[in-house]
Amino acid sequence: LHDALPIWIREGSAQLIGLLATNDLRNAGKSYVDLKEEDAFVGPKPESICAKDLQDAEGKEKIMPDQCSQAMHLYAVSLLVAKFGGLEALFNFHRLYGLNDDWVNDFKQAFGISREDFYREWWAYLGIPQSDWPDLQPPAPPERY
């Protein structure tokens, strides 16, 4: 039994793949970006840090039902895929995690960026001034299902 992946990666991966599959099955000719704009799956891209940020979605704080957090999961994984290796890197990450059960190292190996540097990328993507970025915390200890 593996430790739980951070919810933002787990949920965001499922949302992105679901979006792509739905597009292929039901919306021929439309890009998944257009489908996202229709709020078919999640709300719009967050414009600020949600009540709980990506770091909060690593350990015990798993249940984040607010719309901002749900959108955060999808947009964070979409940013990761767009800038750091595409879907191939995402699938490789999940494969590595299945073998190693060490998400922080598997993340860096698959995407070529550290967890901490990706969080900085996320905050920059949201347009948060660097002076307002949260403090980086050590990775939350994983939990078992």
N, C-alpha and C. Protein backbone atom coordinates (compact mmCIF):
# COMPACT_ATOMS: atom_id res chain seq x y z
N LEU A 1 0.85 -1.19 0.00
CA LEU A 1 0.00 0.00 0.00
C LEU A 1 0.88 1.24 0.00
N HIS A 2 0.66 2.12 -0.96
CA HIS A 2 1.46 3.34 -1.08
C HIS A 2 0.92 4.45 -0.20
N ASP A 3 1.83 5.36 0.16
CA ASP A 3 1.40 6.59 0.81
C ASP A 3 0.61 7.42 -0.20
N ALA A 4 -0.21 8.29 0.31
CA ALA A 4 -1.05 9.11 -0.54
C ALA A 4 -0.23 10.21 -1.22
N LEU A 5 -0.48 10.40 -2.50
CA LEU A 5 0.09 11.54 -3.20
C LEU A 5 -0.60 12.80 -2.71
N PRO A 6 0.04 13.96 -2.81
CA PRO A 6 -0.67 15.20 -2.52
C PRO A 6 -1.94 15.30 -3.36
N ILE A 7 -3.01 15.76 -2.74
CA ILE A 7 -4.29 15.79 -3.43
C ILE A 7 -4.24 16.66 -4.68
N TRP A 8 -3.42 17.71 -4.67
CA TRP A 8 -3.42 18.58 -5.85
C TRP A 8 -2.90 17.84 -7.08
N ILE A 9 -1.94 16.95 -6.89
CA ILE A 9 -1.43 16.17 -8.03
C ILE A 9 -2.42 15.08 -8.41
N ARG A 10 -2.94 14.40 -7.41
CA ARG A 10 -3.88 13.29 -7.66
C ARG A 10 -5.15 13.81 -8.34
N GLU A 11 -5.77 14.83 -7.76
CA GLU A 11 -7.01 15.36 -8.31
C GLU A 11 -6.77 16.10 -9.62
N GLY A 12 -5.71 16.90 -9.68
CA GLY A 12 -5.42 17.65 -10.89
C GLY A 12 -5.12 16.73 -12.07
N SER A 13 -4.42 15.63 -11.83
CA SER A 13 -4.15 14.66 -12.91
C SER A 13 -5.45 14.06 -13.41
N ALA A 14 -6.31 13.65 -12.48
CA ALA A 14 -7.60 13.06 -12.87
C ALA A 14 -8.46 14.07 -13.63
N GLN A 15 -8.47 15.32 -13.15
CA GLN A 15 -9.27 16.34 -13.82
C GLN A 15 -8.76 16.60 -15.23
N LEU A 16 -7.45 16.72 -15.39
CA LEU A 16 -6.89 17.01 -16.71
C LEU A 16 -7.16 15.87 -17.68
N ILE A 17 -6.93 14.64 -17.26
CA ILE A 17 -7.17 13.49 -18.15
C ILE A 17 -8.66 13.39 -18.46
N GLY A 18 -9.51 13.62 -17.46
CA GLY A 18 -10.96 13.60 -17.70
C GLY A 18 -11.38 14.66 -18.70
N LEU A 19 -10.78 15.83 -18.59
CA LEU A 19 -11.09 16.92 -19.52
C LEU A 19 -10.69 16.56 -20.94
N LEU A 20 -9.49 15.99 -21.08
CA LEU A 20 -9.02 15.61 -22.41
C LEU A 20 -9.88 14.49 -23.00
N ALA A 21 -10.23 13.50 -22.18
CA ALA A 21 -11.05 12.39 -22.66
C ALA A 21 -12.45 12.86 -23.04
N THR A 22 -13.04 13.71 -22.22
CA THR A 22 -14.37 14.23 -22.52
C THR A 22 -14.35 15.02 -23.81
N ASN A 23 -13.31 15.81 -23.98
CA ASN A 23 -13.18 16.58 -25.21
C ASN A 23 -13.15 15.64 -26.41
N ASP A 24 -12.36 14.60 -26.33
CA ASP A 24 -12.24 13.66 -27.45
C ASP A 24 -13.56 12.95 -27.74
N LEU A 25 -14.32 12.62 -26.68
CA LEU A 25 -15.54 11.85 -26.85
C LEU A 25 -16.75 12.69 -27.23
N ARG A 26 -16.83 13.91 -26.69
CA ARG A 26 -18.07 14.66 -26.83
C ARG A 26 -17.95 16.01 -27.51
N ASN A 27 -16.77 16.52 -27.67
CA ASN A 27 -16.63 17.88 -28.16
C ASN A 27 -15.63 17.96 -29.31
N ALA A 28 -15.86 17.17 -30.32
CA ALA A 28 -14.95 17.15 -31.46
C ALA A 28 -14.75 18.56 -31.99
N GLY A 29 -13.51 18.92 -32.20
CA GLY A 29 -13.20 20.21 -32.78
C GLY A 29 -12.97 21.32 -31.77
N LYS A 30 -13.27 21.05 -30.49
CA LYS A 30 -13.04 22.07 -29.47
C LYS A 30 -11.81 21.68 -28.67
N SER A 31 -11.03 22.67 -28.31
CA SER A 31 -9.87 22.37 -27.48
C SER A 31 -10.31 22.26 -26.02
N TYR A 32 -9.52 21.57 -25.21
CA TYR A 32 -9.90 21.45 -23.80
C TYR A 32 -9.84 22.80 -23.10
N VAL A 33 -9.07 23.73 -23.62
CA VAL A 33 -9.05 25.08 -23.03
C VAL A 33 -10.41 25.71 -23.18
N ASP A 34 -11.04 25.56 -24.35
CA ASP A 34 -12.40 26.09 -24.54
C ASP A 34 -13.37 25.43 -23.57
N LEU A 35 -13.22 24.14 -23.39
CA LEU A 35 -14.11 23.41 -22.48
C LEU A 35 -13.93 23.91 -21.05
N LYS A 36 -12.68 24.20 -20.66
CA LYS A 36 -12.45 24.74 -19.32
C LYS A 36 -13.15 26.08 -19.15
N GLU A 37 -13.11 26.91 -20.19
CA GLU A 37 -13.74 28.22 -20.10
C GLU A 37 -15.24 28.11 -19.88
N GLU A 38 -15.84 27.01 -20.29
CA GLU A 38 -17.26 26.80 -20.08
C GLU A 38 -17.56 26.32 -18.66
N ASP A 39 -16.56 26.22 -17.83
CA ASP A 39 -16.72 25.77 -16.45
C ASP A 39 -17.39 24.40 -16.36
N ALA A 40 -17.13 23.55 -17.35
CA ALA A 40 -17.76 22.24 -17.37
C ALA A 40 -17.26 21.35 -16.24
N PHE A 41 -16.03 21.57 -15.80
CA PHE A 41 -15.45 20.72 -14.77
C PHE A 41 -15.14 21.50 -13.50
N VAL A 42 -14.53 22.64 -13.64
CA VAL A 42 -14.09 23.42 -12.49
C VAL A 42 -14.33 24.88 -12.78
N GLY A 43 -14.14 25.69 -11.77
CA GLY A 43 -14.27 27.12 -11.95
C GLY A 43 -13.10 27.71 -12.72
N PRO A 44 -13.09 29.02 -12.85
CA PRO A 44 -12.01 29.68 -13.58
C PRO A 44 -10.69 29.60 -12.83
N LYS A 45 -9.62 29.89 -13.54
CA LYS A 45 -8.28 29.91 -12.93
C LYS A 45 -8.29 30.83 -11.71
N PRO A 46 -7.74 30.36 -10.59
CA PRO A 46 -7.65 31.25 -9.43
C PRO A 46 -6.84 32.50 -9.77
N GLU A 47 -7.24 33.61 -9.18
CA GLU A 47 -6.53 34.86 -9.40
C GLU A 47 -5.75 35.28 -8.17
N SER A 48 -5.80 34.46 -7.15
CA SER A 48 -5.04 34.70 -5.93
C SER A 48 -4.78 33.34 -5.29
N ILE A 49 -4.03 33.34 -4.23
CA ILE A 49 -3.79 32.09 -3.51
C ILE A 49 -5.10 31.70 -2.82
N CYS A 50 -5.49 30.46 -2.99
CA CYS A 50 -6.74 29.98 -2.38
C CYS A 50 -6.59 29.94 -0.86
N ALA A 51 -7.70 29.73 -0.18
CA ALA A 51 -7.67 29.63 1.29
C ALA A 51 -6.64 28.59 1.73
N LYS A 52 -6.51 27.54 0.95
CA LYS A 52 -5.46 26.55 1.17
C LYS A 52 -4.68 26.45 -0.13
N ASP A 53 -3.37 26.55 -0.01
CA ASP A 53 -2.50 26.56 -1.18
C ASP A 53 -2.00 25.14 -1.48
N LEU A 54 -1.18 25.01 -2.52
CA LEU A 54 -0.65 23.70 -2.90
C LEU A 54 0.05 23.00 -1.74
N GLN A 55 0.79 23.76 -0.94
CA GLN A 55 1.49 23.13 0.19
C GLN A 55 0.50 22.52 1.18
N ASP A 56 -0.67 23.14 1.33
CA ASP A 56 -1.69 22.62 2.24
C ASP A 56 -2.33 21.34 1.68
N ALA A 57 -2.15 21.11 0.40
CA ALA A 57 -2.75 19.94 -0.25
C ALA A 57 -1.77 18.77 -0.30
N GLU A 58 -0.79 18.78 0.58
CA GLU A 58 0.20 17.70 0.59
C GLU A 58 -0.08 16.65 1.66
N GLY A 59 -0.46 17.06 2.84
CA GLY A 59 -0.55 16.11 3.95
C GLY A 59 -1.95 15.95 4.48
N LYS A 60 -2.15 16.35 5.71
CA LYS A 60 -3.40 16.06 6.41
C LYS A 60 -4.58 16.88 5.90
N GLU A 61 -4.31 18.06 5.36
CA GLU A 61 -5.41 18.93 4.91
C GLU A 61 -5.85 18.51 3.51
N LYS A 62 -6.51 17.38 3.40
CA LYS A 62 -6.84 16.84 2.10
C LYS A 62 -8.19 17.31 1.57
N ILE A 63 -9.14 17.54 2.44
CA ILE A 63 -10.48 17.87 1.98
C ILE A 63 -10.59 19.38 1.78
N MET A 64 -10.67 19.78 0.52
CA MET A 64 -10.75 21.20 0.19
C MET A 64 -11.86 21.38 -0.84
N PRO A 65 -13.11 21.40 -0.38
CA PRO A 65 -14.22 21.38 -1.33
C PRO A 65 -14.54 22.71 -1.99
N ASP A 66 -13.88 23.80 -1.59
CA ASP A 66 -14.22 25.09 -2.18
C ASP A 66 -13.81 25.13 -3.65
N GLN A 67 -14.48 25.96 -4.43
CA GLN A 67 -14.26 26.02 -5.87
C GLN A 67 -12.84 26.46 -6.21
N CYS A 68 -12.28 27.38 -5.44
CA CYS A 68 -10.92 27.85 -5.72
C CYS A 68 -9.93 26.70 -5.66
N SER A 69 -10.02 25.89 -4.61
CA SER A 69 -9.09 24.77 -4.46
C SER A 69 -9.29 23.73 -5.55
N GLN A 70 -10.53 23.46 -5.91
CA GLN A 70 -10.79 22.49 -6.98
C GLN A 70 -10.17 22.97 -8.29
N ALA A 71 -10.31 24.26 -8.58
CA ALA A 71 -9.71 24.81 -9.79
C ALA A 71 -8.19 24.79 -9.67
N MET A 72 -7.66 25.06 -8.47
CA MET A 72 -6.22 25.08 -8.24
C MET A 72 -5.60 23.75 -8.66
N HIS A 73 -6.23 22.65 -8.31
CA HIS A 73 -5.68 21.32 -8.64
C HIS A 73 -5.48 21.19 -10.16
N LEU A 74 -6.54 21.50 -10.92
CA LEU A 74 -6.46 21.37 -12.37
C LEU A 74 -5.45 22.34 -12.97
N TYR A 75 -5.50 23.59 -12.57
CA TYR A 75 -4.62 24.58 -13.18
C TYR A 75 -3.16 24.35 -12.79
N ALA A 76 -2.90 23.87 -11.59
CA ALA A 76 -1.52 23.58 -11.20
C ALA A 76 -0.95 22.44 -12.03
N VAL A 77 -1.72 21.37 -12.20
CA VAL A 77 -1.24 20.25 -13.02
C VAL A 77 -1.14 20.67 -14.48
N SER A 78 -2.07 21.49 -14.95
CA SER A 78 -1.99 21.99 -16.33
C SER A 78 -0.73 22.82 -16.55
N LEU A 79 -0.39 23.67 -15.58
CA LEU A 79 0.85 24.45 -15.66
C LEU A 79 2.06 23.53 -15.67
N LEU A 80 2.04 22.54 -14.82
CA LEU A 80 3.14 21.58 -14.75
C LEU A 80 3.33 20.88 -16.09
N VAL A 81 2.24 20.42 -16.68
CA VAL A 81 2.29 19.72 -17.96
C VAL A 81 2.73 20.67 -19.08
N ALA A 82 2.21 21.89 -19.07
CA ALA A 82 2.52 22.84 -20.14
C ALA A 82 3.99 23.27 -20.14
N LYS A 83 4.58 23.43 -18.97
CA LYS A 83 5.93 23.99 -18.89
C LYS A 83 7.02 22.96 -18.62
N PHE A 84 6.66 21.81 -18.10
CA PHE A 84 7.69 20.89 -17.61
C PHE A 84 7.51 19.45 -18.11
N GLY A 85 7.45 19.27 -19.41
CA GLY A 85 7.56 17.92 -19.96
C GLY A 85 6.31 17.32 -20.55
N GLY A 86 5.20 18.01 -20.49
CA GLY A 86 3.98 17.50 -21.13
C GLY A 86 3.37 16.32 -20.42
N LEU A 87 2.41 15.71 -21.09
CA LEU A 87 1.71 14.56 -20.51
C LEU A 87 2.67 13.39 -20.27
N GLU A 88 3.69 13.28 -21.11
CA GLU A 88 4.67 12.20 -20.92
C GLU A 88 5.32 12.30 -19.54
N ALA A 89 5.69 13.52 -19.13
CA ALA A 89 6.29 13.71 -17.81
C ALA A 89 5.29 13.39 -16.70
N LEU A 90 4.03 13.77 -16.90
CA LEU A 90 3.00 13.47 -15.89
C LEU A 90 2.84 11.96 -15.73
N PHE A 91 2.75 11.25 -16.84
CA PHE A 91 2.61 9.79 -16.76
C PHE A 91 3.86 9.16 -16.16
N ASN A 92 5.03 9.69 -16.50
CA ASN A 92 6.28 9.18 -15.94
C ASN A 92 6.32 9.39 -14.43
N PHE A 93 5.84 10.56 -13.98
CA PHE A 93 5.79 10.82 -12.54
C PHE A 93 4.95 9.76 -11.83
N HIS A 94 3.77 9.48 -12.34
CA HIS A 94 2.91 8.48 -11.70
C HIS A 94 3.55 7.09 -11.74
N ARG A 95 4.24 6.79 -12.84
CA ARG A 95 4.94 5.50 -12.93
C ARG A 95 6.06 5.42 -11.90
N LEU A 96 6.87 6.48 -11.81
CA LEU A 96 7.96 6.50 -10.83
C LEU A 96 7.44 6.40 -9.41
N TYR A 97 6.37 7.11 -9.13
CA TYR A 97 5.81 7.07 -7.78
C TYR A 97 5.32 5.66 -7.44
N GLY A 98 4.79 4.97 -8.43
CA GLY A 98 4.35 3.60 -8.21
C GLY A 98 5.51 2.68 -7.86
N LEU A 99 6.70 3.03 -8.33
CA LEU A 99 7.88 2.21 -8.05
C LEU A 99 8.59 2.62 -6.77
N ASN A 100 8.64 3.94 -6.49
CA ASN A 100 9.50 4.45 -5.43
C ASN A 100 8.79 4.95 -4.18
N ASP A 101 7.54 5.37 -4.32
CA ASP A 101 6.78 5.87 -3.17
C ASP A 101 7.47 7.07 -2.51
N ASP A 102 8.08 7.94 -3.34
CA ASP A 102 8.79 9.12 -2.83
C ASP A 102 8.44 10.29 -3.76
N TRP A 103 7.31 10.92 -3.51
CA TRP A 103 6.78 11.88 -4.48
C TRP A 103 7.70 13.07 -4.71
N VAL A 104 8.40 13.54 -3.70
CA VAL A 104 9.25 14.73 -3.86
C VAL A 104 10.38 14.45 -4.84
N ASN A 105 11.08 13.34 -4.67
CA ASN A 105 12.17 13.00 -5.59
C ASN A 105 11.64 12.57 -6.96
N ASP A 106 10.53 11.83 -6.97
CA ASP A 106 9.94 11.42 -8.24
C ASP A 106 9.47 12.64 -9.04
N PHE A 107 8.95 13.65 -8.34
CA PHE A 107 8.52 14.89 -8.97
C PHE A 107 9.68 15.56 -9.70
N LYS A 108 10.79 15.70 -8.98
CA LYS A 108 11.97 16.36 -9.58
C LYS A 108 12.51 15.54 -10.75
N GLN A 109 12.53 14.24 -10.61
CA GLN A 109 13.05 13.39 -11.68
C GLN A 109 12.15 13.47 -12.92
N ALA A 110 10.85 13.43 -12.72
CA ALA A 110 9.93 13.40 -13.87
C ALA A 110 9.80 14.76 -14.56
N PHE A 111 9.72 15.83 -13.77
CA PHE A 111 9.44 17.15 -14.34
C PHE A 111 10.67 18.03 -14.49
N GLY A 112 11.79 17.65 -13.86
CA GLY A 112 13.00 18.44 -13.97
C GLY A 112 12.95 19.74 -13.17
N ILE A 113 12.07 19.81 -12.19
CA ILE A 113 11.97 20.98 -11.33
C ILE A 113 11.65 20.49 -9.92
N SER A 114 12.20 21.17 -8.94
CA SER A 114 11.91 20.76 -7.55
C SER A 114 10.51 21.19 -7.16
N ARG A 115 9.99 20.56 -6.16
CA ARG A 115 8.69 20.92 -5.59
C ARG A 115 8.68 22.40 -5.23
N GLU A 116 9.73 22.88 -4.56
CA GLU A 116 9.79 24.26 -4.11
C GLU A 116 9.81 25.24 -5.30
N ASP A 117 10.61 24.93 -6.31
CA ASP A 117 10.66 25.81 -7.48
C ASP A 117 9.34 25.80 -8.24
N PHE A 118 8.66 24.65 -8.25
CA PHE A 118 7.35 24.64 -8.91
C PHE A 118 6.35 25.50 -8.16
N TYR A 119 6.39 25.47 -6.84
CA TYR A 119 5.46 26.33 -6.09
C TYR A 119 5.73 27.80 -6.40
N ARG A 120 6.97 28.16 -6.57
CA ARG A 120 7.30 29.54 -6.95
C ARG A 120 6.73 29.85 -8.35
N GLU A 121 6.85 28.87 -9.26
CA GLU A 121 6.26 29.04 -10.59
C GLU A 121 4.75 29.24 -10.49
N TRP A 122 4.10 28.50 -9.61
CA TRP A 122 2.65 28.59 -9.43
C TRP A 122 2.27 29.99 -8.95
N TRP A 123 2.95 30.48 -7.94
CA TRP A 123 2.61 31.80 -7.42
C TRP A 123 2.86 32.89 -8.46
N ALA A 124 3.92 32.74 -9.24
CA ALA A 124 4.18 33.70 -10.32
C ALA A 124 3.06 33.62 -11.38
N TYR A 125 2.62 32.41 -11.71
CA TYR A 125 1.53 32.19 -12.67
C TYR A 125 0.24 32.85 -12.20
N LEU A 126 0.00 32.82 -10.90
CA LEU A 126 -1.19 33.47 -10.35
C LEU A 126 -1.08 34.99 -10.36
N GLY A 127 0.15 35.49 -10.57
CA GLY A 127 0.35 36.93 -10.57
C GLY A 127 0.54 37.52 -9.18
N ILE A 128 0.92 36.67 -8.23
CA ILE A 128 1.14 37.12 -6.86
C ILE A 128 2.50 37.83 -6.79
N PRO A 129 2.57 39.05 -6.26
CA PRO A 129 3.88 39.69 -6.11
C PRO A 129 4.80 38.83 -5.24
N GLN A 130 6.05 38.74 -5.63
CA GLN A 130 6.99 37.86 -4.93
C GLN A 130 7.04 38.16 -3.43
N SER A 131 6.86 39.41 -3.05
CA SER A 131 6.89 39.77 -1.63
C SER A 131 5.73 39.16 -0.84
N ASP A 132 4.68 38.72 -1.54
CA ASP A 132 3.51 38.14 -0.89
C ASP A 132 3.47 36.61 -0.96
N TRP A 133 4.52 36.01 -1.52
CA TRP A 133 4.52 34.55 -1.60
C TRP A 133 4.59 33.94 -0.21
N PRO A 134 3.87 32.83 0.00
CA PRO A 134 3.96 32.15 1.30
C PRO A 134 5.37 31.61 1.55
N ASP A 135 5.68 31.40 2.79
CA ASP A 135 6.94 30.75 3.13
C ASP A 135 6.88 29.30 2.67
N LEU A 136 8.00 28.82 2.14
CA LEU A 136 8.07 27.41 1.76
C LEU A 136 8.24 26.56 3.01
N GLN A 137 7.43 25.54 3.08
CA GLN A 137 7.47 24.59 4.20
C GLN A 137 8.11 23.29 3.71
N PRO A 138 8.67 22.52 4.62
CA PRO A 138 9.14 21.19 4.19
C PRO A 138 7.95 20.35 3.73
N PRO A 139 8.19 19.37 2.88
CA PRO A 139 7.08 18.53 2.42
C PRO A 139 6.34 17.92 3.62
N ALA A 140 5.02 17.93 3.51
CA ALA A 140 4.21 17.34 4.58
C ALA A 140 4.42 15.83 4.57
N PRO A 141 4.45 15.22 5.74
CA PRO A 141 4.59 13.77 5.75
C PRO A 141 3.38 13.11 5.08
N PRO A 142 3.63 12.10 4.27
CA PRO A 142 2.52 11.45 3.57
C PRO A 142 1.66 10.65 4.54
N GLU A 143 0.44 10.42 4.11
CA GLU A 143 -0.48 9.59 4.89
C GLU A 143 -0.86 8.38 4.08
N ARG A 144 -1.17 7.33 4.76
CA ARG A 144 -1.66 6.14 4.06
C ARG A 144 -3.18 6.18 4.02
N TYR A 145 -3.71 5.60 2.94
CA TYR A 145 -5.17 5.52 2.83
C TYR A 145 -5.69 4.51 3.83
